[in-house]
Amino acid sequence: MEKTLRGVGVSHGVAIGQVRHMGTAVLEPPAHQIPTEDAPREQARARQAVDAVAADLIARGTLAGGEAQAVLEAQALMAQDPELMADVERRIAVGSSAERAVYDAFAAYRALLASAGEYLAGRVADLDDVRNRIVARLLGVPMPGVPDSDEPYVLFARDLAPADTALLDPTLVLGFVTEEGGPTSHSAILARAMGVPAVVALPNATEVAEGVVVAVDGSSGEVLIAPSASMQDELRQLAAERKAALAASSGPGRTSDGHLVPLLANVGGPADVPAALEAGAEGVGLFRTEFLFLDDSKRAPSEEAQFEAYRKVLEAFPEGRVVVRVLDAGADKPLEFLTPADEPNPALGVRGLRTLLEHPEVLQTQLRALAKAADGLPVHLEVMAPMVADRADAKAFAQACREAGLQAKFGAMVEIPSAALRARAILEEVEFLSLGTNDLAQYTFAADRQVGALARLQDPWQPALLDLIAAAAGAAKAAGKSCGVCGEAAADPLLACVLTGLGVTSLSMGSASIPYVRASLATFTLAQCQRAAEAARAADSAEEARIAAQQVLSGE
């Protein structure tokens, strides 16, 4: 019987095929005491298993190459984390077997990650995979993995670890669906890198029967179970039309009547630049500089190391626009040398600009490195602060930029409702705004992005969120300044049209989404986008807003 399930689309495209499940059973070893004299031998076994798993992950990364290699090498570092290994050895010293000590130590670390915000919670699946591989090696049992098949299929799983997704064969794996994960999980990142349609956070995904035919729409997040032959034909036709539209779409982002909407890329460092250039990005709308700091949570990278990374990105976009977000530490991106370890609620604590204003030396080093990196280049550098709450924050950041001798535009991210509501005052101090819709939704609805039960409140189509975006964009227009969007909302081809209708002046997204958004914008006039935006804001729910905009743009 045909039915439709909805998850979160994280990688564009349509896949139609039979379901194949990947086993993800957790190997829980028995809890029994070992003799004290066996502790050294068990500790040695644990270290050997950890080293072997880390070596295997590195080897898989070398074979996979590209972005997958970086992900797998990060997983290998996770396996060999000194504090985690010390915890394993402590547990063995008081009587646990090697496999049980690994299981319990990883469980404790898992709980910390799961409660630490979106970025770190998104690494839980990676940690689980490392644990399972180590325990399996200690128990001498095989690890469950990707199913063997000679025929193309759609892969279903509770979640996918980098070690599995990195080596997926795109000629066999048509797409994949997971019960867990989110837009920032490694499953999503690698799906986009592979160009494989994917849907995550689909409730009860693992209960879909093996062998049943499904249709996965990685744009809408819809998964059709047992679609009819006619529906399959219709979806294939839609996929062909999308592909043709992508092929025909090139050049700068613009509506069909010529209204320019620059399409920019979100990047984390120089390694992301080639994909951005290949997708036709007109610049960078969000350079997440915190990834330079996350490599070593105990100390900040030197000014020279920062300069080299910034220079590579700036050089890639001569005469283009590059928007750099200064360090966004705290909450889901804690740094041992910088952020408090005992905050009761890090998401509402000292994070983003608040952290940098408490540690001005870190901010000044970063701003000097940026000034040095931009020196002599024709690039249009813009620098923005995360978590700006009011005019005082914006003023303090602009003053810091001037003190560092930075020749660039200074801006503020709008991630807190107060910033959207008081955007006009903030724009007295800075030259542009950039809407971080992920955090803006979280703070607007008091809904943690990691709580699946609150998913409807995190939907970027929520009318209240659209109202805040419209307020910020309107304030920027009145001031003669720009207001872009750099959250996941910008990657939705339909919502991109609505954002344009709300007055947003640029859209920044993962590189793989740029061709889809460019093709969508080119289909409609600015007036159509504005009418769609009005219809969406008049709705009472995210789903109604989406339908209303679609009806306007399709002429219904």
Protein backbone atom coordinates (compact mmCIF):
# COMPACT_ATOMS: atom_id res chain seq x y z
CA MET A 1 0.00 0.00 0.00
CA GLU A 2 1.43 3.35 -1.05
CA LYS A 3 2.14 5.85 1.74
CA THR A 4 4.37 8.85 2.31
CA LEU A 5 6.80 9.40 5.19
CA ARG A 6 8.61 12.67 5.84
CA GLY A 7 12.09 13.18 7.22
CA VAL A 8 14.69 15.86 6.58
CA GLY A 9 16.08 16.10 3.07
CA VAL A 10 19.83 16.72 3.21
CA SER A 11 21.07 15.88 -0.29
CA HIS A 12 19.14 16.77 -3.43
CA GLY A 13 17.88 14.34 -6.04
CA VAL A 14 15.39 11.49 -6.43
CA ALA A 15 16.21 7.81 -5.95
CA ILE A 16 13.88 4.90 -6.70
CA GLY A 17 14.81 1.36 -5.73
CA GLN A 18 14.44 -1.55 -3.35
CA VAL A 19 15.22 -1.19 0.35
CA ARG A 20 18.32 -2.84 1.77
CA HIS A 21 19.08 -2.55 5.49
CA MET A 22 22.47 -2.18 7.08
CA GLY A 23 22.88 -3.88 10.43
CA THR A 24 23.77 -1.53 13.26
CA ALA A 25 23.53 -3.86 16.24
CA VAL A 26 25.33 -2.58 19.32
CA LEU A 27 27.75 -5.17 20.61
CA GLU A 28 27.30 -5.09 24.40
CA PRO A 29 29.85 -7.31 26.11
CA PRO A 30 29.01 -9.05 29.40
CA ALA A 31 29.82 -7.24 32.62
CA HIS A 32 32.01 -9.50 34.73
CA GLN A 33 34.97 -8.91 37.02
CA ILE A 34 38.48 -9.93 36.00
CA PRO A 35 41.25 -10.88 38.43
CA THR A 36 43.48 -7.98 39.44
CA GLU A 37 46.54 -9.70 37.97
CA ASP A 38 44.87 -9.73 34.53
CA ALA A 39 44.52 -5.94 34.38
CA PRO A 40 47.85 -5.21 32.59
CA ARG A 41 47.08 -7.81 29.92
CA GLU A 42 43.57 -6.41 29.38
CA GLN A 43 44.91 -2.87 29.17
CA ALA A 44 47.38 -3.98 26.50
CA ARG A 45 44.57 -5.71 24.57
CA ALA A 46 42.52 -2.51 24.67
CA ARG A 47 45.42 -0.37 23.40
CA GLN A 48 46.16 -2.80 20.58
CA ALA A 49 42.51 -2.87 19.49
CA VAL A 50 42.29 0.93 19.54
CA ASP A 51 45.48 1.29 17.49
CA ALA A 52 44.30 -1.33 14.97
CA VAL A 53 40.92 0.37 14.50
CA ALA A 54 42.57 3.78 14.10
CA ALA A 55 44.95 2.38 11.48
CA ASP A 56 42.04 0.79 9.61
CA LEU A 57 40.11 4.08 9.58
CA ILE A 58 43.14 5.93 8.22
CA ALA A 59 43.58 3.29 5.52
CA ARG A 60 39.91 3.59 4.53
CA GLY A 61 40.31 7.35 4.38
CA THR A 62 43.34 7.10 2.11
CA LEU A 63 41.35 4.84 -0.20
CA ALA A 64 38.32 7.13 -0.21
CA GLY A 65 40.23 10.43 -0.58
CA GLY A 66 38.76 13.93 -0.58
CA GLU A 67 36.39 15.09 2.15
CA ALA A 68 35.80 11.50 3.29
CA GLN A 69 39.49 11.16 4.11
CA ALA A 70 39.36 14.13 6.47
CA VAL A 71 36.27 12.72 8.17
CA LEU A 72 37.81 9.28 8.68
CA GLU A 73 41.09 10.69 9.94
CA ALA A 74 39.10 12.71 12.48
CA GLN A 75 37.41 9.47 13.54
CA ALA A 76 40.81 7.83 13.98
CA LEU A 77 41.83 10.67 16.31
CA MET A 78 38.60 10.11 18.22
CA ALA A 79 39.54 6.44 18.70
CA GLN A 80 42.91 7.42 20.14
CA ASP A 81 41.70 10.26 22.37
CA PRO A 82 44.08 10.20 25.38
CA GLU A 83 41.41 11.04 27.97
CA LEU A 84 39.09 8.36 26.61
CA MET A 85 41.88 5.79 26.65
CA ALA A 86 42.80 6.80 30.21
CA ASP A 87 39.20 6.18 31.26
CA VAL A 88 39.28 2.74 29.63
CA GLU A 89 42.45 1.84 31.54
CA ARG A 90 41.01 3.10 34.84
CA ARG A 91 37.95 0.90 34.39
CA ILE A 92 40.14 -2.12 33.64
CA ALA A 93 42.22 -1.42 36.75
CA VAL A 94 39.11 -1.81 38.94
CA GLY A 95 38.02 -5.09 37.38
CA SER A 96 36.38 -4.56 33.96
CA SER A 97 37.40 -6.62 30.94
CA ALA A 98 38.92 -4.72 28.02
CA GLU A 99 35.76 -4.91 25.90
CA ARG A 100 33.47 -3.89 28.77
CA ALA A 101 35.74 -1.01 29.75
CA VAL A 102 35.71 0.29 26.17
CA TYR A 103 31.93 -0.05 26.01
CA ASP A 104 31.34 1.83 29.30
CA ALA A 105 33.95 4.56 28.70
CA PHE A 106 32.53 5.32 25.26
CA ALA A 107 29.00 5.34 26.71
CA ALA A 108 29.99 8.04 29.20
CA TYR A 109 31.65 10.12 26.47
CA ARG A 110 28.62 9.59 24.21
CA ALA A 111 26.32 11.10 26.84
CA LEU A 112 28.52 14.21 27.00
CA LEU A 113 28.46 14.65 23.22
CA ALA A 114 24.72 14.08 22.95
CA SER A 115 24.05 16.94 25.36
CA ALA A 116 26.65 19.35 23.99
CA GLY A 117 24.70 20.93 21.12
CA GLU A 118 24.20 20.28 17.43
CA TYR A 119 27.76 20.10 16.14
CA LEU A 120 29.10 17.70 18.76
CA ALA A 121 25.84 15.74 19.03
CA GLY A 122 26.19 15.15 15.31
CA ARG A 123 29.37 13.21 16.07
CA VAL A 124 27.57 10.62 18.23
CA ALA A 125 27.18 8.21 15.30
CA ASP A 126 30.92 8.51 14.62
CA LEU A 127 31.70 7.67 18.24
CA ASP A 128 29.31 4.70 18.23
CA ASP A 129 31.01 3.35 15.12
CA VAL A 130 34.47 3.62 16.69
CA ARG A 131 33.23 1.86 19.82
CA ASN A 132 31.61 -0.95 17.85
CA ARG A 133 34.74 -1.52 15.80
CA ILE A 134 36.97 -1.70 18.88
CA VAL A 135 34.59 -3.99 20.79
CA ALA A 136 34.12 -6.22 17.74
CA ARG A 137 37.87 -6.57 17.38
CA LEU A 138 38.25 -7.45 21.05
CA LEU A 139 35.43 -10.02 20.87
CA GLY A 140 36.71 -11.45 17.59
CA VAL A 141 33.40 -10.92 15.74
CA PRO A 142 32.77 -9.20 12.39
CA MET A 143 31.40 -5.67 12.23
CA PRO A 144 28.02 -5.23 10.54
CA GLY A 145 28.36 -3.14 7.42
CA VAL A 146 26.98 -2.26 4.01
CA PRO A 147 24.92 -5.15 2.56
CA ASP A 148 26.27 -7.12 -0.37
CA SER A 149 24.20 -6.68 -3.53
CA ASP A 150 24.69 -6.91 -7.27
CA GLU A 151 21.63 -4.76 -7.91
CA PRO A 152 21.22 -1.04 -7.14
CA TYR A 153 19.34 -0.33 -3.92
CA VAL A 154 18.30 2.36 -1.43
CA LEU A 155 20.16 1.92 1.85
CA PHE A 156 18.19 2.21 5.11
CA ALA A 157 19.90 2.40 8.50
CA ARG A 158 19.51 3.71 12.02
CA ASP A 159 22.48 5.93 11.21
CA LEU A 160 25.55 5.69 9.01
CA ALA A 161 29.11 6.06 10.17
CA PRO A 162 31.79 7.74 8.04
CA ALA A 163 33.71 4.49 7.66
CA ASP A 164 30.67 3.01 5.89
CA THR A 165 29.49 5.99 3.84
CA ALA A 166 32.99 6.88 2.66
CA LEU A 167 33.28 3.70 0.61
CA LEU A 168 29.71 3.43 -0.67
CA ASP A 169 29.54 2.68 -4.38
CA PRO A 170 27.27 5.34 -5.96
CA THR A 171 26.56 2.99 -8.89
CA LEU A 172 24.90 0.57 -6.45
CA VAL A 173 23.65 2.85 -3.66
CA LEU A 174 20.96 4.98 -5.28
CA GLY A 175 20.29 6.92 -2.09
CA PHE A 176 20.03 6.42 1.62
CA VAL A 177 17.62 7.01 4.48
CA THR A 178 18.47 7.12 8.17
CA GLU A 179 16.36 7.18 11.30
CA GLU A 180 18.77 9.50 13.10
CA GLY A 181 21.16 12.24 12.06
CA GLY A 182 20.66 15.80 10.88
CA PRO A 183 21.79 18.31 8.26
CA THR A 184 25.20 18.64 9.91
CA SER A 185 25.85 14.93 10.57
CA HIS A 186 28.63 13.21 8.65
CA SER A 187 26.04 11.08 6.85
CA ALA A 188 24.55 14.26 5.40
CA ILE A 189 27.92 15.84 4.63
CA LEU A 190 29.17 12.79 2.74
CA ALA A 191 25.85 12.28 0.92
CA ARG A 192 26.15 15.78 -0.48
CA ALA A 193 29.80 15.20 -1.38
CA MET A 194 28.85 11.98 -3.23
CA GLY A 195 25.84 13.55 -4.92
CA VAL A 196 23.59 10.80 -3.52
CA PRO A 197 19.98 11.69 -2.55
CA ALA A 198 19.51 11.31 1.20
CA VAL A 199 16.87 11.77 3.87
CA VAL A 200 17.70 11.71 7.58
CA ALA A 201 15.64 11.83 10.80
CA LEU A 202 12.92 9.66 9.26
CA PRO A 203 10.86 8.15 12.11
CA ASN A 204 10.83 4.34 12.13
CA ALA A 205 13.05 4.11 9.06
CA THR A 206 14.47 0.80 10.24
CA GLU A 207 10.98 -0.70 10.28
CA VAL A 208 10.48 -0.32 6.51
CA ALA A 209 10.45 -3.83 5.06
CA GLU A 210 13.50 -5.21 3.25
CA GLY A 211 12.98 -5.40 -0.50
CA VAL A 212 10.03 -2.99 -0.75
CA VAL A 213 10.35 -0.34 -3.47
CA VAL A 214 10.70 3.25 -2.22
CA ALA A 215 11.14 6.65 -3.79
CA VAL A 216 13.40 9.05 -1.90
CA ASP A 217 13.24 12.79 -2.57
CA GLY A 218 16.34 14.34 -1.03
CA SER A 219 15.01 17.85 -1.59
CA SER A 220 11.62 17.62 0.13
CA GLY A 221 12.54 14.91 2.63
CA GLU A 222 9.66 12.73 1.44
CA VAL A 223 9.98 8.96 1.22
CA LEU A 224 7.23 7.17 -0.71
CA ILE A 225 6.71 3.57 0.33
CA ALA A 226 5.61 1.18 -2.45
CA PRO A 227 4.80 3.89 -5.03
CA SER A 228 2.68 2.79 -7.97
CA ALA A 229 4.24 2.29 -11.40
CA SER A 230 2.63 5.52 -12.62
CA MET A 231 3.97 7.43 -9.63
CA GLN A 232 7.46 6.06 -10.28
CA ASP A 233 7.22 7.23 -13.90
CA GLU A 234 6.08 10.65 -12.73
CA LEU A 235 8.99 10.94 -10.29
CA ARG A 236 11.52 9.88 -12.92
CA GLN A 237 10.11 12.54 -15.25
CA LEU A 238 10.42 15.12 -12.47
CA ALA A 239 14.02 14.06 -11.85
CA ALA A 240 14.79 14.38 -15.57
CA GLU A 241 13.28 17.87 -15.66
CA ARG A 242 15.33 18.92 -12.63
CA LYS A 243 18.49 17.60 -14.25
CA ALA A 244 17.73 19.50 -17.46
CA ALA A 245 17.07 22.69 -15.50
CA LEU A 246 20.38 22.31 -13.68
CA ALA A 247 22.24 21.81 -16.95
CA ALA A 248 20.65 24.92 -18.43
CA SER A 249 21.31 27.06 -15.37
CA SER A 250 24.60 28.93 -15.16
CA GLY A 251 26.01 32.30 -14.29
CA PRO A 252 25.06 34.49 -11.33
CA GLY A 253 21.98 33.86 -9.26
CA ARG A 254 19.03 35.84 -10.54
CA THR A 255 15.27 35.66 -10.91
CA SER A 256 13.73 35.23 -14.36
CA ASP A 257 13.29 39.00 -14.67
CA GLY A 258 16.92 39.73 -13.83
CA HIS A 259 16.84 40.54 -10.11
CA LEU A 260 20.30 39.55 -8.85
CA VAL A 261 20.60 37.25 -5.82
CA PRO A 262 24.28 36.32 -5.30
CA LEU A 263 24.68 32.62 -4.50
CA LEU A 264 27.55 32.03 -2.12
CA ALA A 265 29.12 28.96 -0.52
CA ASN A 266 29.49 27.95 3.11
CA VAL A 267 33.04 26.72 3.73
CA GLY A 268 35.08 25.54 6.69
CA GLY A 269 38.51 26.06 5.16
CA PRO A 270 40.65 25.78 2.00
CA ALA A 271 39.63 22.13 1.42
CA ASP A 272 36.06 23.23 0.67
CA VAL A 273 37.02 25.77 -1.99
CA PRO A 274 37.27 23.45 -5.07
CA ALA A 275 33.67 22.25 -4.63
CA ALA A 276 32.49 25.84 -4.27
CA LEU A 277 34.23 26.89 -7.48
CA GLU A 278 32.91 23.86 -9.35
CA ALA A 279 29.35 24.70 -8.28
CA GLY A 280 29.73 28.25 -9.59
CA ALA A 281 29.67 29.99 -6.22
CA GLU A 282 29.96 33.76 -6.57
CA GLY A 283 31.96 33.94 -3.37
CA VAL A 284 31.82 32.75 0.21
CA GLY A 285 28.89 33.75 2.39
CA LEU A 286 30.05 31.92 5.51
CA PHE A 287 33.65 31.00 6.26
CA ARG A 288 33.39 29.03 9.51
CA THR A 289 36.76 29.81 11.05
CA GLU A 290 36.13 27.73 14.19
CA PHE A 291 37.20 24.61 12.30
CA LEU A 292 40.75 25.94 12.46
CA PHE A 293 40.44 26.03 16.24
CA LEU A 294 38.72 22.67 16.72
CA ASP A 295 41.84 20.82 15.54
CA ASP A 296 43.40 21.58 18.93
CA SER A 297 40.95 22.49 21.69
CA LYS A 298 43.79 23.33 24.11
CA ARG A 299 45.29 26.31 22.29
CA ALA A 300 44.47 28.78 19.55
CA PRO A 301 46.19 28.44 16.17
CA SER A 302 49.00 30.91 15.66
CA GLU A 303 48.48 34.12 13.74
CA GLU A 304 50.64 32.72 10.94
CA ALA A 305 48.64 29.48 10.70
CA GLN A 306 45.42 31.47 10.55
CA PHE A 307 46.88 33.81 7.93
CA GLU A 308 47.80 30.89 5.66
CA ALA A 309 44.32 29.34 5.84
CA TYR A 310 42.55 32.66 5.26
CA ARG A 311 44.84 33.63 2.39
CA LYS A 312 44.11 30.41 0.48
CA VAL A 313 40.37 31.02 0.62
CA LEU A 314 40.63 34.72 -0.25
CA GLU A 315 42.91 34.03 -3.22
CA ALA A 316 40.35 31.60 -4.68
CA PHE A 317 37.79 34.37 -5.21
CA PRO A 318 39.61 37.30 -6.83
CA GLU A 319 37.29 40.31 -6.91
CA GLY A 320 34.61 38.15 -5.32
CA ARG A 321 32.96 38.48 -1.93
CA VAL A 322 34.19 36.48 1.07
CA VAL A 323 32.31 36.76 4.36
CA VAL A 324 34.30 35.50 7.34
CA ARG A 325 32.67 34.65 10.66
CA VAL A 326 35.09 35.16 13.50
CA LEU A 327 35.47 32.33 16.00
CA ASP A 328 32.11 30.98 17.14
CA ALA A 329 33.14 29.06 20.25
CA GLY A 330 31.01 27.81 23.10
CA ALA A 331 27.78 25.81 23.36
CA ASP A 332 28.09 23.06 20.73
CA LYS A 333 31.71 24.00 19.89
CA PRO A 334 33.55 24.11 23.24
CA LEU A 335 37.26 24.85 23.36
CA GLU A 336 39.18 23.80 26.44
CA PHE A 337 41.38 26.90 26.50
CA LEU A 338 38.55 29.34 25.98
CA THR A 339 35.04 28.30 27.02
CA PRO A 340 33.70 27.54 30.51
CA ALA A 341 33.42 23.83 31.27
CA ASP A 342 30.68 24.08 33.87
CA GLU A 343 27.96 26.26 32.33
CA PRO A 344 24.49 24.94 33.24
CA ASN A 345 23.11 25.87 29.81
CA PRO A 346 25.88 26.54 27.27
CA ALA A 347 23.46 27.45 24.46
CA LEU A 348 22.31 30.41 26.56
CA GLY A 349 25.69 31.13 28.06
CA VAL A 350 29.01 32.66 27.08
CA ARG A 351 29.37 31.79 23.41
CA GLY A 352 30.18 33.47 20.10
CA LEU A 353 31.01 37.18 20.42
CA ARG A 354 30.46 36.98 24.18
CA THR A 355 33.42 34.62 24.44
CA LEU A 356 35.62 36.79 22.23
CA LEU A 357 34.86 39.96 24.19
CA GLU A 358 35.99 38.14 27.34
CA HIS A 359 39.17 37.07 25.53
CA PRO A 360 40.07 40.07 23.34
CA GLU A 361 43.54 38.71 22.61
CA VAL A 362 41.99 35.79 20.68
CA LEU A 363 39.79 38.13 18.64
CA GLN A 364 42.63 40.57 17.93
CA THR A 365 44.92 37.77 16.73
CA GLN A 366 42.25 36.54 14.35
CA LEU A 367 41.47 40.02 13.03
CA ARG A 368 45.17 40.76 12.45
CA ALA A 369 45.55 37.49 10.55
CA LEU A 370 42.57 38.40 8.37
CA ALA A 371 43.93 41.90 7.69
CA LYS A 372 47.28 40.41 6.69
CA ALA A 373 45.61 37.75 4.50
CA ALA A 374 43.55 40.33 2.58
CA ASP A 375 46.46 42.72 2.05
CA GLY A 376 47.12 43.30 -1.64
CA LEU A 377 44.18 41.19 -2.86
CA PRO A 378 41.23 42.61 -4.83
CA VAL A 379 38.80 40.40 -2.89
CA HIS A 380 35.84 42.02 -1.13
CA LEU A 381 36.39 40.93 2.47
CA GLU A 382 33.56 41.14 4.98
CA VAL A 383 33.90 40.05 8.62
CA MET A 384 31.00 39.29 10.91
CA ALA A 385 30.45 38.46 14.57
CA PRO A 386 28.32 35.53 15.76
CA MET A 387 25.65 35.80 18.46
CA VAL A 388 25.16 39.56 18.37
CA ALA A 389 22.33 40.42 20.76
CA ASP A 390 22.08 44.21 20.55
CA ARG A 391 23.65 47.46 19.38
CA ALA A 392 26.24 47.39 22.17
CA ASP A 393 27.55 44.04 20.90
CA ALA A 394 27.72 45.34 17.33
CA LYS A 395 29.53 48.49 18.45
CA ALA A 396 32.11 46.52 20.44
CA PHE A 397 32.84 44.26 17.47
CA ALA A 398 33.16 47.13 14.99
CA GLN A 399 35.56 48.90 17.38
CA ALA A 400 37.69 45.74 17.67
CA CYS A 401 37.89 45.50 13.87
CA ARG A 402 39.02 49.10 13.59
CA GLU A 403 41.64 48.64 16.32
CA ALA A 404 43.07 45.68 14.35
CA GLY A 405 43.41 47.86 11.25
CA LEU A 406 41.04 45.66 9.27
CA GLN A 407 40.09 47.12 5.90
CA ALA A 408 36.79 45.32 5.43
CA LYS A 409 33.07 45.62 5.96
CA PHE A 410 31.99 44.75 9.50
CA GLY A 411 28.76 42.82 10.01
CA ALA A 412 26.58 41.03 12.52
CA MET A 413 24.94 37.65 12.46
CA VAL A 414 21.25 37.60 13.31
CA GLU A 415 20.78 34.44 15.35
CA ILE A 416 18.91 35.85 18.34
CA PRO A 417 15.36 37.26 18.04
CA SER A 418 16.47 40.48 19.76
CA ALA A 419 18.90 41.14 16.90
CA ALA A 420 16.16 40.74 14.30
CA LEU A 421 13.76 42.96 16.23
CA ARG A 422 16.40 45.65 16.77
CA ALA A 423 18.17 45.26 13.43
CA ARG A 424 17.74 48.94 12.60
CA ALA A 425 19.78 49.94 15.68
CA ILE A 426 22.43 47.30 15.05
CA LEU A 427 22.85 48.58 11.49
CA GLU A 428 23.89 51.94 12.94
CA GLU A 429 27.12 50.20 13.95
CA VAL A 430 27.76 47.63 11.18
CA GLU A 431 27.46 47.50 7.40
CA PHE A 432 25.60 44.25 6.80
CA LEU A 433 23.56 41.49 8.41
CA SER A 434 23.69 37.73 7.91
CA LEU A 435 20.84 35.56 9.14
CA GLY A 436 21.86 32.29 10.78
CA THR A 437 18.47 30.61 10.47
CA ASN A 438 19.46 27.42 12.33
CA ASP A 439 20.13 29.16 15.65
CA LEU A 440 17.48 31.81 15.01
CA ALA A 441 14.83 29.08 14.84
CA GLN A 442 16.18 27.40 17.97
CA TYR A 443 16.09 30.59 20.03
CA THR A 444 12.79 31.81 18.60
CA PHE A 445 10.91 28.66 19.55
CA ALA A 446 12.96 27.61 22.60
CA ALA A 447 13.43 24.28 20.80
CA ASP A 448 16.73 22.39 20.96
CA ARG A 449 17.69 21.26 17.46
CA GLN A 450 18.73 17.86 18.81
CA VAL A 451 15.29 17.01 20.19
CA GLY A 452 13.44 15.15 17.45
CA ALA A 453 10.07 15.63 19.14
CA LEU A 454 10.43 19.38 18.51
CA ALA A 455 11.28 19.06 14.81
CA ARG A 456 8.24 21.01 13.63
CA LEU A 457 9.42 24.04 15.62
CA GLN A 458 12.84 23.90 13.97
CA ASP A 459 11.40 23.98 10.45
CA PRO A 460 12.71 27.08 8.62
CA TRP A 461 9.27 27.47 7.01
CA GLN A 462 7.75 28.49 10.36
CA PRO A 463 5.83 31.75 9.72
CA ALA A 464 7.18 33.37 12.90
CA LEU A 465 10.72 32.76 11.66
CA LEU A 466 9.82 34.24 8.27
CA ASP A 467 8.48 37.31 10.10
CA LEU A 468 11.82 37.83 11.84
CA ILE A 469 13.70 37.40 8.57
CA ALA A 470 11.41 39.96 6.95
CA ALA A 471 12.02 42.40 9.82
CA ALA A 472 15.80 42.15 9.51
CA ALA A 473 15.73 42.36 5.69
CA GLY A 474 13.40 45.36 5.85
CA ALA A 475 15.70 47.18 8.27
CA ALA A 476 18.69 46.54 6.00
CA LYS A 477 16.83 47.81 2.95
CA ALA A 478 15.80 50.97 4.79
CA ALA A 479 19.43 51.55 5.74
CA GLY A 480 20.69 50.85 2.23
CA LYS A 481 22.67 47.84 3.46
CA SER A 482 22.70 44.10 2.69
CA CYS A 483 21.08 41.21 4.54
CA GLY A 484 21.96 37.65 3.55
CA VAL A 485 21.00 34.18 4.77
CA CYS A 486 23.65 31.58 5.56
CA GLY A 487 21.64 28.88 7.35
CA GLU A 488 20.22 25.61 6.01
CA ALA A 489 17.14 27.53 4.85
CA ALA A 490 19.12 28.99 1.94
CA ALA A 491 19.72 25.51 0.49
CA ASP A 492 16.00 24.79 0.01
CA PRO A 493 15.26 25.75 -3.64
CA LEU A 494 11.62 26.67 -2.91
CA LEU A 495 12.37 28.51 0.32
CA ALA A 496 15.18 30.38 -1.45
CA CYS A 497 12.52 32.02 -3.62
CA VAL A 498 10.51 32.98 -0.54
CA LEU A 499 13.61 34.42 1.14
CA THR A 500 14.26 36.49 -1.97
CA GLY A 501 10.66 37.71 -1.79
CA LEU A 502 11.20 38.70 1.85
CA GLY A 503 14.02 41.03 0.77
CA VAL A 504 17.08 38.92 1.46
CA THR A 505 19.94 40.11 -0.76
CA SER A 506 22.16 36.99 -0.92
CA LEU A 507 21.98 33.29 -0.14
CA SER A 508 24.83 31.14 1.17
CA MET A 509 24.69 27.34 1.34
CA GLY A 510 26.60 24.10 0.95
CA SER A 511 28.19 24.04 -2.50
CA ALA A 512 26.17 21.06 -3.73
CA SER A 513 22.92 23.02 -3.32
CA ILE A 514 23.95 26.04 -5.40
CA PRO A 515 22.91 24.64 -8.84
CA TYR A 516 19.47 23.66 -7.49
CA VAL A 517 18.83 27.08 -5.97
CA ARG A 518 20.13 28.86 -9.08
CA ALA A 519 17.75 26.87 -11.29
CA SER A 520 14.81 27.51 -8.98
CA LEU A 521 15.35 31.27 -8.81
CA ALA A 522 15.68 31.47 -12.59
CA THR A 523 12.17 30.04 -12.94
CA PHE A 524 10.30 32.88 -11.20
CA THR A 525 10.08 36.67 -11.27
CA LEU A 526 10.81 38.81 -8.23
CA ALA A 527 7.10 39.67 -8.03
CA GLN A 528 6.21 35.98 -7.88
CA CYS A 529 8.74 35.47 -5.10
CA GLN A 530 7.26 38.38 -3.18
CA ARG A 531 3.72 37.01 -3.52
CA ALA A 532 4.94 33.58 -2.37
CA ALA A 533 6.60 35.22 0.65
CA GLU A 534 3.36 37.02 1.57
CA ALA A 535 1.40 33.77 1.30
CA ALA A 536 3.89 31.89 3.45
CA ARG A 537 3.85 34.54 6.19
CA ALA A 538 0.05 34.47 6.24
CA ALA A 539 0.01 30.73 7.02
CA ASP A 540 -0.39 29.23 10.50
CA SER A 541 2.20 26.45 10.29
CA ALA A 542 5.38 25.51 8.49
CA GLU A 543 3.59 22.93 6.36
CA GLU A 544 0.86 25.39 5.40
CA ALA A 545 3.49 28.01 4.55
CA ARG A 546 5.30 25.57 2.27
CA ILE A 547 2.10 24.59 0.48
CA ALA A 548 0.97 28.21 0.14
CA ALA A 549 4.25 29.27 -1.44
CA GLN A 550 4.20 26.29 -3.79
CA GLN A 551 0.68 27.14 -4.91
CA VAL A 552 1.61 30.74 -5.67
CA LEU A 553 4.73 29.78 -7.60
CA SER A 554 2.97 27.04 -9.56
CA GLY A 555 0.14 29.38 -10.49
CA GLU A 556 -2.58 27.40 -8.72
